[in-house]
Amino acid sequence: MTKLEDNIKKLPEELKKYIYQEYIEIQLFYDKFKEALDSEESRSLNIVNIYPFIPRILAKPKYIKHLLIKLYCFETIYNDHKIKRKKTFRLMNNGQSFAQCILMYLYH
């Protein structure tokens, strides 16, 4: 075991939980979302892989904050759909429109 691992084991549980929730959990979630964004379906503008992520993203301010930094189109889409309450694709529900906008920005 390395010295770093030994030091991590000595940390109080509350601190370990905080570090996990504020840094590791967010990155793991982003990695899964990025994988869904990079899928063949997403490149074909099919929201099937990213749509399940949208409610989770919008429910957690820390995910929103992370995506504002990592995904260049996220701020525009978030402002239109959540702040201005103006969805782009009228025949879709708000979450579907949100997901479709992401794919259109990335791949159209």
PDB file of N, CA and C in Angstrom:
ATOM      1  N   MET A   1       0.846  -1.173   0.000  1.00  0.00           N
ATOM      2  CA  MET A   1       0.000   0.000   0.000  1.00  0.00           C
ATOM      3  C   MET A   1       0.897   1.243   0.000  1.00  0.00           C
ATOM      4  N   THR A   2       0.472   2.259  -0.747  1.00  0.00           N
ATOM      5  CA  THR A   2       1.267   3.478  -0.827  1.00  0.00           C
ATOM      6  C   THR A   2       0.974   4.388   0.355  1.00  0.00           C
ATOM      7  N   LYS A   3       1.820   5.341   0.501  1.00  0.00           N
ATOM      8  CA  LYS A   3       1.652   6.305   1.586  1.00  0.00           C
ATOM      9  C   LYS A   3       0.352   7.096   1.402  1.00  0.00           C
ATOM     10  N   LEU A   4       0.031   7.424   0.164  1.00  0.00           N
ATOM     11  CA  LEU A   4      -1.208   8.142  -0.112  1.00  0.00           C
ATOM     12  C   LEU A   4      -2.416   7.316   0.312  1.00  0.00           C
ATOM     13  N   GLU A   5      -2.432   6.043  -0.034  1.00  0.00           N
ATOM     14  CA  GLU A   5      -3.541   5.177   0.363  1.00  0.00           C
ATOM     15  C   GLU A   5      -3.654   5.075   1.876  1.00  0.00           C
ATOM     16  N   ASP A   6      -2.523   5.001   2.553  1.00  0.00           N
ATOM     17  CA  ASP A   6      -2.531   4.969   4.016  1.00  0.00           C
ATOM     18  C   ASP A   6      -3.133   6.254   4.577  1.00  0.00           C
ATOM     19  N   ASN A   7      -2.755   7.374   4.006  1.00  0.00           N
ATOM     20  CA  ASN A   7      -3.275   8.665   4.471  1.00  0.00           C
ATOM     21  C   ASN A   7      -4.769   8.798   4.195  1.00  0.00           C
ATOM     22  N   ILE A   8      -5.215   8.294   3.072  1.00  0.00           N
ATOM     23  CA  ILE A   8      -6.645   8.346   2.746  1.00  0.00           C
ATOM     24  C   ILE A   8      -7.443   7.511   3.744  1.00  0.00           C
ATOM     25  N   LYS A   9      -6.923   6.358   4.112  1.00  0.00           N
ATOM     26  CA  LYS A   9      -7.616   5.501   5.078  1.00  0.00           C
ATOM     27  C   LYS A   9      -7.744   6.174   6.447  1.00  0.00           C
ATOM     28  N   LYS A  10      -6.839   7.084   6.749  1.00  0.00           N
ATOM     29  CA  LYS A  10      -6.860   7.777   8.041  1.00  0.00           C
ATOM     30  C   LYS A  10      -7.858   8.936   8.075  1.00  0.00           C
ATOM     31  N   LEU A  11      -8.349   9.344   6.930  1.00  0.00           N
ATOM     32  CA  LEU A  11      -9.298  10.450   6.885  1.00  0.00           C
ATOM     33  C   LEU A  11     -10.607  10.078   7.571  1.00  0.00           C
ATOM     34  N   PRO A  12     -11.246  11.040   8.209  1.00  0.00           N
ATOM     35  CA  PRO A  12     -12.567  10.766   8.796  1.00  0.00           C
ATOM     36  C   PRO A  12     -13.573  10.402   7.699  1.00  0.00           C
ATOM     37  N   GLU A  13     -14.530   9.564   8.037  1.00  0.00           N
ATOM     38  CA  GLU A  13     -15.516   9.094   7.069  1.00  0.00           C
ATOM     39  C   GLU A  13     -16.291  10.247   6.425  1.00  0.00           C
ATOM     40  N   GLU A  14     -16.628  11.256   7.206  1.00  0.00           N
ATOM     41  CA  GLU A  14     -17.369  12.392   6.661  1.00  0.00           C
ATOM     42  C   GLU A  14     -16.575  13.106   5.575  1.00  0.00           C
ATOM     43  N   LEU A  15     -15.276  13.233   5.773  1.00  0.00           N
ATOM     44  CA  LEU A  15     -14.421  13.876   4.785  1.00  0.00           C
ATOM     45  C   LEU A  15     -14.304  13.018   3.525  1.00  0.00           C
ATOM     46  N   LYS A  16     -14.177  11.712   3.690  1.00  0.00           N
ATOM     47  CA  LYS A  16     -14.128  10.815   2.538  1.00  0.00           C
ATOM     48  C   LYS A  16     -15.423  10.921   1.733  1.00  0.00           C
ATOM     49  N   LYS A  17     -16.548  10.951   2.430  1.00  0.00           N
ATOM     50  CA  LYS A  17     -17.845  11.060   1.771  1.00  0.00           C
ATOM     51  C   LYS A  17     -17.951  12.382   1.013  1.00  0.00           C
ATOM     52  N   TYR A  18     -17.515  13.461   1.622  1.00  0.00           N
ATOM     53  CA  TYR A  18     -17.551  14.776   0.984  1.00  0.00           C
ATOM     54  C   TYR A  18     -16.690  14.793  -0.282  1.00  0.00           C
ATOM     55  N   ILE A  19     -15.489  14.285  -0.192  1.00  0.00           N
ATOM     56  CA  ILE A  19     -14.589  14.251  -1.347  1.00  0.00           C
ATOM     57  C   ILE A  19     -15.220  13.425  -2.466  1.00  0.00           C
ATOM     58  N   TYR A  20     -15.774  12.296  -2.118  1.00  0.00           N
ATOM     59  CA  TYR A  20     -16.417  11.452  -3.129  1.00  0.00           C
ATOM     60  C   TYR A  20     -17.578  12.187  -3.800  1.00  0.00           C
ATOM     61  N   GLN A  21     -18.466  12.764  -2.991  1.00  0.00           N
ATOM     62  CA  GLN A  21     -19.655  13.408  -3.545  1.00  0.00           C
ATOM     63  C   GLN A  21     -19.336  14.659  -4.361  1.00  0.00           C
ATOM     64  N   GLU A  22     -18.345  15.415  -3.933  1.00  0.00           N
ATOM     65  CA  GLU A  22     -18.049  16.678  -4.601  1.00  0.00           C
ATOM     66  C   GLU A  22     -17.096  16.564  -5.781  1.00  0.00           C
ATOM     67  N   TYR A  23     -16.353  15.503  -5.876  1.00  0.00           N
ATOM     68  CA  TYR A  23     -15.353  15.397  -6.939  1.00  0.00           C
ATOM     69  C   TYR A  23     -15.472  14.093  -7.740  1.00  0.00           C
ATOM     70  N   ILE A  24     -15.429  13.001  -7.063  1.00  0.00           N
ATOM     71  CA  ILE A  24     -15.376  11.711  -7.753  1.00  0.00           C
ATOM     72  C   ILE A  24     -16.730  11.363  -8.374  1.00  0.00           C
ATOM     73  N   GLU A  25     -17.799  11.497  -7.616  1.00  0.00           N
ATOM     74  CA  GLU A  25     -19.138  11.169  -8.122  1.00  0.00           C
ATOM     75  C   GLU A  25     -19.470  11.994  -9.367  1.00  0.00           C
ATOM     76  N   ILE A  26     -19.167  13.273  -9.332  1.00  0.00           N
ATOM     77  CA  ILE A  26     -19.447  14.153 -10.467  1.00  0.00           C
ATOM     78  C   ILE A  26     -18.672  13.705 -11.695  1.00  0.00           C
ATOM     79  N   GLN A  27     -17.410  13.385 -11.519  1.00  0.00           N
ATOM     80  CA  GLN A  27     -16.591  12.964 -12.658  1.00  0.00           C
ATOM     81  C   GLN A  27     -17.050  11.615 -13.204  1.00  0.00           C
ATOM     82  N   LEU A  28     -17.405  10.686 -12.328  1.00  0.00           N
ATOM     83  CA  LEU A  28     -17.918   9.388 -12.788  1.00  0.00           C
ATOM     84  C   LEU A  28     -19.212   9.558 -13.584  1.00  0.00           C
ATOM     85  N   PHE A  29     -20.087  10.414 -13.089  1.00  0.00           N
ATOM     86  CA  PHE A  29     -21.333  10.681 -13.800  1.00  0.00           C
ATOM     87  C   PHE A  29     -21.041  11.307 -15.160  1.00  0.00           C
ATOM     88  N   TYR A  30     -20.144  12.280 -15.189  1.00  0.00           N
ATOM     89  CA  TYR A  30     -19.799  12.932 -16.454  1.00  0.00           C
ATOM     90  C   TYR A  30     -19.196  11.931 -17.445  1.00  0.00           C
ATOM     91  N   ASP A  31     -18.350  11.055 -16.962  1.00  0.00           N
ATOM     92  CA  ASP A  31     -17.740  10.051 -17.841  1.00  0.00           C
ATOM     93  C   ASP A  31     -18.812   9.175 -18.503  1.00  0.00           C
ATOM     94  N   LYS A  32     -19.826   8.775 -17.730  1.00  0.00           N
ATOM     95  CA  LYS A  32     -20.917   7.957 -18.286  1.00  0.00           C
ATOM     96  C   LYS A  32     -21.742   8.773 -19.292  1.00  0.00           C
ATOM     97  N   PHE A  33     -21.998  10.023 -18.947  1.00  0.00           N
ATOM     98  CA  PHE A  33     -22.751  10.889 -19.845  1.00  0.00           C
ATOM     99  C   PHE A  33     -21.975  11.127 -21.139  1.00  0.00           C
ATOM    100  N   LYS A  34     -20.687  11.359 -21.032  1.00  0.00           N
ATOM    101  CA  LYS A  34     -19.833  11.578 -22.205  1.00  0.00           C
ATOM    102  C   LYS A  34     -19.813  10.335 -23.092  1.00  0.00           C
ATOM    103  N   GLU A  35     -19.770   9.174 -22.479  1.00  0.00           N
ATOM    104  CA  GLU A  35     -19.821   7.922 -23.238  1.00  0.00           C
ATOM    105  C   GLU A  35     -21.132   7.835 -24.030  1.00  0.00           C
ATOM    106  N   ALA A  36     -22.237   8.219 -23.384  1.00  0.00           N
ATOM    107  CA  ALA A  36     -23.531   8.227 -24.071  1.00  0.00           C
ATOM    108  C   ALA A  36     -23.536   9.263 -25.199  1.00  0.00           C
ATOM    109  N   LEU A  37     -22.930  10.411 -24.965  1.00  0.00           N
ATOM    110  CA  LEU A  37     -22.850  11.438 -26.005  1.00  0.00           C
ATOM    111  C   LEU A  37     -22.031  10.976 -27.205  1.00  0.00           C
ATOM    112  N   ASP A  38     -21.020  10.191 -26.956  1.00  0.00           N
ATOM    113  CA  ASP A  38     -20.118   9.732 -28.017  1.00  0.00           C
ATOM    114  C   ASP A  38     -20.628   8.488 -28.747  1.00  0.00           C
ATOM    115  N   SER A  39     -21.765   7.961 -28.326  1.00  0.00           N
ATOM    116  CA  SER A  39     -22.277   6.728 -28.926  1.00  0.00           C
ATOM    117  C   SER A  39     -22.731   6.960 -30.371  1.00  0.00           C
ATOM    118  N   GLU A  40     -22.835   5.880 -31.094  1.00  0.00           N
ATOM    119  CA  GLU A  40     -23.302   5.931 -32.490  1.00  0.00           C
ATOM    120  C   GLU A  40     -24.716   6.510 -32.566  1.00  0.00           C
ATOM    121  N   GLU A  41     -25.573   6.124 -31.638  1.00  0.00           N
ATOM    122  CA  GLU A  41     -26.947   6.641 -31.627  1.00  0.00           C
ATOM    123  C   GLU A  41     -26.956   8.158 -31.467  1.00  0.00           C
ATOM    124  N   SER A  42     -26.142   8.661 -30.549  1.00  0.00           N
ATOM    125  CA  SER A  42     -26.086  10.103 -30.328  1.00  0.00           C
ATOM    126  C   SER A  42     -25.549  10.830 -31.550  1.00  0.00           C
ATOM    127  N   ARG A  43     -24.533  10.256 -32.171  1.00  0.00           N
ATOM    128  CA  ARG A  43     -23.994  10.880 -33.389  1.00  0.00           C
ATOM    129  C   ARG A  43     -25.018  10.865 -34.522  1.00  0.00           C
ATOM    130  N   SER A  44     -25.979   9.964 -34.429  1.00  0.00           N
ATOM    131  CA  SER A  44     -27.078   9.902 -35.416  1.00  0.00           C
ATOM    132  C   SER A  44     -28.265  10.753 -34.974  1.00  0.00           C
ATOM    133  N   LEU A  45     -28.073  11.557 -33.953  1.00  0.00           N
ATOM    134  CA  LEU A  45     -29.085  12.475 -33.402  1.00  0.00           C
ATOM    135  C   LEU A  45     -30.251  11.765 -32.739  1.00  0.00           C
ATOM    136  N   ASN A  46     -30.019  10.556 -32.248  1.00  0.00           N
ATOM    137  CA  ASN A  46     -31.020   9.785 -31.512  1.00  0.00           C
ATOM    138  C   ASN A  46     -30.753   9.974 -30.018  1.00  0.00           C
ATOM    139  N   ILE A  47     -31.743  10.454 -29.295  1.00  0.00           N
ATOM    140  CA  ILE A  47     -31.552  10.800 -27.875  1.00  0.00           C
ATOM    141  C   ILE A  47     -31.627   9.614 -26.920  1.00  0.00           C
ATOM    142  N   VAL A  48     -31.829   8.417 -27.427  1.00  0.00           N
ATOM    143  CA  VAL A  48     -32.081   7.241 -26.594  1.00  0.00           C
ATOM    144  C   VAL A  48     -31.030   7.050 -25.489  1.00  0.00           C
ATOM    145  N   ASN A  49     -29.769   7.311 -25.749  1.00  0.00           N
ATOM    146  CA  ASN A  49     -28.723   7.080 -24.741  1.00  0.00           C
ATOM    147  C   ASN A  49     -28.547   8.233 -23.758  1.00  0.00           C
ATOM    148  N   ILE A  50     -28.846   9.454 -24.181  1.00  0.00           N
ATOM    149  CA  ILE A  50     -28.614  10.581 -23.262  1.00  0.00           C
ATOM    150  C   ILE A  50     -29.873  11.026 -22.524  1.00  0.00           C
ATOM    151  N   TYR A  51     -31.039  10.698 -23.059  1.00  0.00           N
ATOM    152  CA  TYR A  51     -32.275  11.147 -22.432  1.00  0.00           C
ATOM    153  C   TYR A  51     -32.407  10.736 -20.960  1.00  0.00           C
ATOM    154  N   PRO A  52     -32.043   9.517 -20.570  1.00  0.00           N
ATOM    155  CA  PRO A  52     -32.157   9.149 -19.147  1.00  0.00           C
ATOM    156  C   PRO A  52     -31.283  10.003 -18.218  1.00  0.00           C
ATOM    157  N   PHE A  53     -30.253  10.629 -18.739  1.00  0.00           N
ATOM    158  CA  PHE A  53     -29.379  11.465 -17.921  1.00  0.00           C
ATOM    159  C   PHE A  53     -29.992  12.833 -17.611  1.00  0.00           C
ATOM    160  N   ILE A  54     -30.865  13.324 -18.466  1.00  0.00           N
ATOM    161  CA  ILE A  54     -31.358  14.702 -18.358  1.00  0.00           C
ATOM    162  C   ILE A  54     -32.044  14.983 -17.018  1.00  0.00           C
ATOM    163  N   PRO A  55     -32.989  14.169 -16.552  1.00  0.00           N
ATOM    164  CA  PRO A  55     -33.606  14.463 -15.248  1.00  0.00           C
ATOM    165  C   PRO A  55     -32.595  14.458 -14.102  1.00  0.00           C
ATOM    166  N   ARG A  56     -31.634  13.558 -14.156  1.00  0.00           N
ATOM    167  CA  ARG A  56     -30.608  13.498 -13.098  1.00  0.00           C
ATOM    168  C   ARG A  56     -29.735  14.740 -13.125  1.00  0.00           C
ATOM    169  N   ILE A  57     -29.377  15.184 -14.321  1.00  0.00           N
ATOM    170  CA  ILE A  57     -28.562  16.393 -14.449  1.00  0.00           C
ATOM    171  C   ILE A  57     -29.310  17.588 -13.886  1.00  0.00           C
ATOM    172  N   LEU A  58     -30.546  17.756 -14.312  1.00  0.00           N
ATOM    173  CA  LEU A  58     -31.322  18.930 -13.919  1.00  0.00           C
ATOM    174  C   LEU A  58     -31.723  18.917 -12.447  1.00  0.00           C
ATOM    175  N   ALA A  59     -31.675  17.762 -11.819  1.00  0.00           N
ATOM    176  CA  ALA A  59     -32.032  17.654 -10.400  1.00  0.00           C
ATOM    177  C   ALA A  59     -30.860  17.973  -9.477  1.00  0.00           C
ATOM    178  N   LYS A  60     -29.649  18.007 -10.019  1.00  0.00           N
ATOM    179  CA  LYS A  60     -28.472  18.198  -9.168  1.00  0.00           C
ATOM    180  C   LYS A  60     -27.665  19.410  -9.619  1.00  0.00           C
ATOM    181  N   PRO A  61     -27.693  20.479  -8.842  1.00  0.00           N
ATOM    182  CA  PRO A  61     -26.937  21.686  -9.204  1.00  0.00           C
ATOM    183  C   PRO A  61     -25.444  21.432  -9.454  1.00  0.00           C
ATOM    184  N   LYS A  62     -24.863  20.454  -8.760  1.00  0.00           N
ATOM    185  CA  LYS A  62     -23.434  20.197  -8.981  1.00  0.00           C
ATOM    186  C   LYS A  62     -23.178  19.595 -10.354  1.00  0.00           C
ATOM    187  N   TYR A  63     -24.135  18.827 -10.891  1.00  0.00           N
ATOM    188  CA  TYR A  63     -24.005  18.300 -12.254  1.00  0.00           C
ATOM    189  C   TYR A  63     -24.153  19.435 -13.270  1.00  0.00           C
ATOM    190  N   ILE A  64     -25.103  20.320 -13.008  1.00  0.00           N
ATOM    191  CA  ILE A  64     -25.296  21.476 -13.883  1.00  0.00           C
ATOM    192  C   ILE A  64     -24.020  22.306 -13.932  1.00  0.00           C
ATOM    193  N   LYS A  65     -23.480  22.605 -12.782  1.00  0.00           N
ATOM    194  CA  LYS A  65     -22.254  23.414 -12.706  1.00  0.00           C
ATOM    195  C   LYS A  65     -21.109  22.755 -13.479  1.00  0.00           C
ATOM    196  N   HIS A  66     -20.964  21.465 -13.331  1.00  0.00           N
ATOM    197  CA  HIS A  66     -19.894  20.730 -14.014  1.00  0.00           C
ATOM    198  C   HIS A  66     -20.090  20.773 -15.534  1.00  0.00           C
ATOM    199  N   LEU A  67     -21.318  20.585 -15.978  1.00  0.00           N
ATOM    200  CA  LEU A  67     -21.584  20.598 -17.416  1.00  0.00           C
ATOM    201  C   LEU A  67     -21.464  21.999 -18.012  1.00  0.00           C
ATOM    202  N   LEU A  68     -21.706  23.011 -17.232  1.00  0.00           N
ATOM    203  CA  LEU A  68     -21.502  24.375 -17.719  1.00  0.00           C
ATOM    204  C   LEU A  68     -20.034  24.596 -18.090  1.00  0.00           C
ATOM    205  N   ILE A  69     -19.155  23.902 -17.399  1.00  0.00           N
ATOM    206  CA  ILE A  69     -17.721  24.009 -17.674  1.00  0.00           C
ATOM    207  C   ILE A  69     -17.300  23.061 -18.803  1.00  0.00           C
ATOM    208  N   LYS A  70     -17.808  21.842 -18.778  1.00  0.00           N
ATOM    209  CA  LYS A  70     -17.328  20.785 -19.673  1.00  0.00           C
ATOM    210  C   LYS A  70     -17.975  20.767 -21.060  1.00  0.00           C
ATOM    211  N   LEU A  71     -19.210  21.210 -21.182  1.00  0.00           N
ATOM    212  CA  LEU A  71     -19.955  21.062 -22.437  1.00  0.00           C
ATOM    213  C   LEU A  71     -20.336  22.457 -22.941  1.00  0.00           C
ATOM    214  N   TYR A  72     -19.684  22.893 -24.010  1.00  0.00           N
ATOM    215  CA  TYR A  72     -19.802  24.276 -24.464  1.00  0.00           C
ATOM    216  C   TYR A  72     -21.238  24.719 -24.757  1.00  0.00           C
ATOM    217  N   CYS A  73     -22.092  23.837 -25.201  1.00  0.00           N
ATOM    218  CA  CYS A  73     -23.454  24.209 -25.566  1.00  0.00           C
ATOM    219  C   CYS A  73     -24.425  24.161 -24.388  1.00  0.00           C
ATOM    220  N   PHE A  74     -24.003  23.630 -23.268  1.00  0.00           N
ATOM    221  CA  PHE A  74     -24.925  23.370 -22.163  1.00  0.00           C
ATOM    222  C   PHE A  74     -25.553  24.655 -21.619  1.00  0.00           C
ATOM    223  N   GLU A  75     -24.774  25.712 -21.501  1.00  0.00           N
ATOM    224  CA  GLU A  75     -25.295  26.959 -20.930  1.00  0.00           C
ATOM    225  C   GLU A  75     -26.453  27.515 -21.762  1.00  0.00           C
ATOM    226  N   THR A  76     -26.287  27.538 -23.066  1.00  0.00           N
ATOM    227  CA  THR A  76     -27.333  28.043 -23.957  1.00  0.00           C
ATOM    228  C   THR A  76     -28.600  27.205 -23.831  1.00  0.00           C
ATOM    229  N   ILE A  77     -28.445  25.909 -23.871  1.00  0.00           N
ATOM    230  CA  ILE A  77     -29.598  25.002 -23.807  1.00  0.00           C
ATOM    231  C   ILE A  77     -30.276  25.100 -22.441  1.00  0.00           C
ATOM    232  N   TYR A  78     -29.467  25.134 -21.396  1.00  0.00           N
ATOM    233  CA  TYR A  78     -30.013  25.255 -20.034  1.00  0.00           C
ATOM    234  C   TYR A  78     -30.804  26.558 -19.887  1.00  0.00           C
ATOM    235  N   ASN A  79     -30.232  27.664 -20.360  1.00  0.00           N
ATOM    236  CA  ASN A  79     -30.918  28.952 -20.256  1.00  0.00           C
ATOM    237  C   ASN A  79     -32.235  28.952 -21.017  1.00  0.00           C
ATOM    238  N   ASP A  80     -32.239  28.390 -22.216  1.00  0.00           N
ATOM    239  CA  ASP A  80     -33.475  28.355 -23.001  1.00  0.00           C
ATOM    240  C   ASP A  80     -34.545  27.483 -22.350  1.00  0.00           C
ATOM    241  N   HIS A  81     -34.168  26.289 -21.938  1.00  0.00           N
ATOM    242  CA  HIS A  81     -35.165  25.327 -21.448  1.00  0.00           C
ATOM    243  C   HIS A  81     -35.561  25.534 -19.989  1.00  0.00           C
ATOM    244  N   LYS A  82     -34.627  25.875 -19.154  1.00  0.00           N
ATOM    245  CA  LYS A  82     -34.928  25.948 -17.710  1.00  0.00           C
ATOM    246  C   LYS A  82     -35.149  27.382 -17.217  1.00  0.00           C
ATOM    247  N   ILE A  83     -34.379  28.332 -17.699  1.00  0.00           N
ATOM    248  CA  ILE A  83     -34.518  29.711 -17.215  1.00  0.00           C
ATOM    249  C   ILE A  83     -35.653  30.425 -17.969  1.00  0.00           C
ATOM    250  N   LYS A  84     -35.580  30.403 -19.297  1.00  0.00           N
ATOM    251  CA  LYS A  84     -36.586  31.080 -20.124  1.00  0.00           C
ATOM    252  C   LYS A  84     -37.834  30.228 -20.352  1.00  0.00           C
ATOM    253  N   ARG A  85     -37.741  28.943 -20.024  1.00  0.00           N
ATOM    254  CA  ARG A  85     -38.839  27.989 -20.212  1.00  0.00           C
ATOM    255  C   ARG A  85     -39.334  27.994 -21.665  1.00  0.00           C
ATOM    256  N   LYS A  86     -38.377  27.977 -22.578  1.00  0.00           N
ATOM    257  CA  LYS A  86     -38.677  27.993 -24.013  1.00  0.00           C
ATOM    258  C   LYS A  86     -38.003  26.782 -24.656  1.00  0.00           C
ATOM    259  N   LYS A  87     -38.771  25.736 -24.872  1.00  0.00           N
ATOM    260  CA  LYS A  87     -38.165  24.564 -25.493  1.00  0.00           C
ATOM    261  C   LYS A  87     -38.052  24.775 -26.997  1.00  0.00           C
ATOM    262  N   THR A  88     -37.096  24.109 -27.592  1.00  0.00           N
ATOM    263  CA  THR A  88     -36.813  24.283 -29.011  1.00  0.00           C
ATOM    264  C   THR A  88     -37.685  23.404 -29.886  1.00  0.00           C
ATOM    265  N   PHE A  89     -37.866  22.154 -29.510  1.00  0.00           N
ATOM    266  CA  PHE A  89     -38.644  21.203 -30.301  1.00  0.00           C
ATOM    267  C   PHE A  89     -40.032  21.066 -29.698  1.00  0.00           C
ATOM    268  N   ARG A  90     -41.004  21.697 -30.299  1.00  0.00           N
ATOM    269  CA  ARG A  90     -42.356  21.835 -29.742  1.00  0.00           C
ATOM    270  C   ARG A  90     -43.105  20.517 -29.573  1.00  0.00           C
ATOM    271  N   LEU A  91     -42.848  19.547 -30.441  1.00  0.00           N
ATOM    272  CA  LEU A  91     -43.593  18.289 -30.364  1.00  0.00           C
ATOM    273  C   LEU A  91     -42.996  17.306 -29.358  1.00  0.00           C
ATOM    274  N   MET A  92     -41.902  17.689 -28.718  1.00  0.00           N
ATOM    275  CA  MET A  92     -41.252  16.844 -27.700  1.00  0.00           C
ATOM    276  C   MET A  92     -41.548  17.421 -26.326  1.00  0.00           C
ATOM    277  N   ASN A  93     -41.432  16.581 -25.310  1.00  0.00           N
ATOM    278  CA  ASN A  93     -41.532  17.138 -23.959  1.00  0.00           C
ATOM    279  C   ASN A  93     -40.236  17.908 -23.668  1.00  0.00           C
ATOM    280  N   ASN A  94     -40.205  18.604 -22.573  1.00  0.00           N
ATOM    281  CA  ASN A  94     -39.068  19.486 -22.271  1.00  0.00           C
ATOM    282  C   ASN A  94     -37.744  18.721 -22.178  1.00  0.00           C
ATOM    283  N   GLY A  95     -37.743  17.569 -21.538  1.00  0.00           N
ATOM    284  CA  GLY A  95     -36.517  16.775 -21.408  1.00  0.00           C
ATOM    285  C   GLY A  95     -36.017  16.252 -22.738  1.00  0.00           C
ATOM    286  N   GLN A  96     -36.949  15.814 -23.583  1.00  0.00           N
ATOM    287  CA  GLN A  96     -36.574  15.336 -24.913  1.00  0.00           C
ATOM    288  C   GLN A  96     -35.999  16.468 -25.757  1.00  0.00           C
ATOM    289  N   SER A  97     -36.635  17.628 -25.684  1.00  0.00           N
ATOM    290  CA  SER A  97     -36.148  18.791 -26.423  1.00  0.00           C
ATOM    291  C   SER A  97     -34.751  19.181 -25.940  1.00  0.00           C
ATOM    292  N   PHE A  98     -34.551  19.147 -24.623  1.00  0.00           N
ATOM    293  CA  PHE A  98     -33.252  19.458 -24.025  1.00  0.00           C
ATOM    294  C   PHE A  98     -32.182  18.515 -24.579  1.00  0.00           C
ATOM    295  N   ALA A  99     -32.467  17.223 -24.554  1.00  0.00           N
ATOM    296  CA  ALA A  99     -31.525  16.216 -25.039  1.00  0.00           C
ATOM    297  C   ALA A  99     -31.258  16.390 -26.534  1.00  0.00           C
ATOM    298  N   GLN A 100     -32.313  16.627 -27.303  1.00  0.00           N
ATOM    299  CA  GLN A 100     -32.152  16.784 -28.750  1.00  0.00           C
ATOM    300  C   GLN A 100     -31.308  18.015 -29.076  1.00  0.00           C
ATOM    301  N   CYS A 101     -31.491  19.077 -28.322  1.00  0.00           N
ATOM    302  CA  CYS A 101     -30.691  20.286 -28.535  1.00  0.00           C
ATOM    303  C   CYS A 101     -29.198  20.008 -28.316  1.00  0.00           C
ATOM    304  N   ILE A 102     -28.889  19.258 -27.290  1.00  0.00           N
ATOM    305  CA  ILE A 102     -27.489  18.925 -27.038  1.00  0.00           C
ATOM    306  C   ILE A 102     -26.891  18.220 -28.253  1.00  0.00           C
ATOM    307  N   LEU A 103     -27.610  17.221 -28.756  1.00  0.00           N
ATOM    308  CA  LEU A 103     -27.108  16.477 -29.906  1.00  0.00           C
ATOM    309  C   LEU A 103     -27.031  17.342 -31.159  1.00  0.00           C
ATOM    310  N   MET A 104     -27.984  18.215 -31.345  1.00  0.00           N
ATOM    311  CA  MET A 104     -27.953  19.089 -32.513  1.00  0.00           C
ATOM    312  C   MET A 104     -26.758  20.038 -32.453  1.00  0.00           C
ATOM    313  N   TYR A 105     -26.481  20.573 -31.275  1.00  0.00           N
ATOM    314  CA  TYR A 105     -25.298  21.440 -31.126  1.00  0.00           C
ATOM    315  C   TYR A 105     -24.012  20.671 -31.392  1.00  0.00           C
ATOM    316  N   LEU A 106     -23.946  19.449 -30.900  1.00  0.00           N
ATOM    317  CA  LEU A 106     -22.716  18.682 -31.019  1.00  0.00           C
ATOM    318  C   LEU A 106     -22.503  18.080 -32.392  1.00  0.00           C
ATOM    319  N   TYR A 107     -23.569  17.620 -33.047  1.00  0.00           N
ATOM    320  CA  TYR A 107     -23.384  16.797 -34.236  1.00  0.00           C
ATOM    321  C   TYR A 107     -24.059  17.294 -35.506  1.00  0.00           C
ATOM    322  N   HIS A 108     -24.790  18.386 -35.458  1.00  0.00           N
ATOM    323  CA  HIS A 108     -25.459  18.851 -36.672  1.00  0.00           C
ATOM    324  C   HIS A 108     -24.643  19.920 -37.359  1.00  0.00           C
TER     325      HIS A 108
END
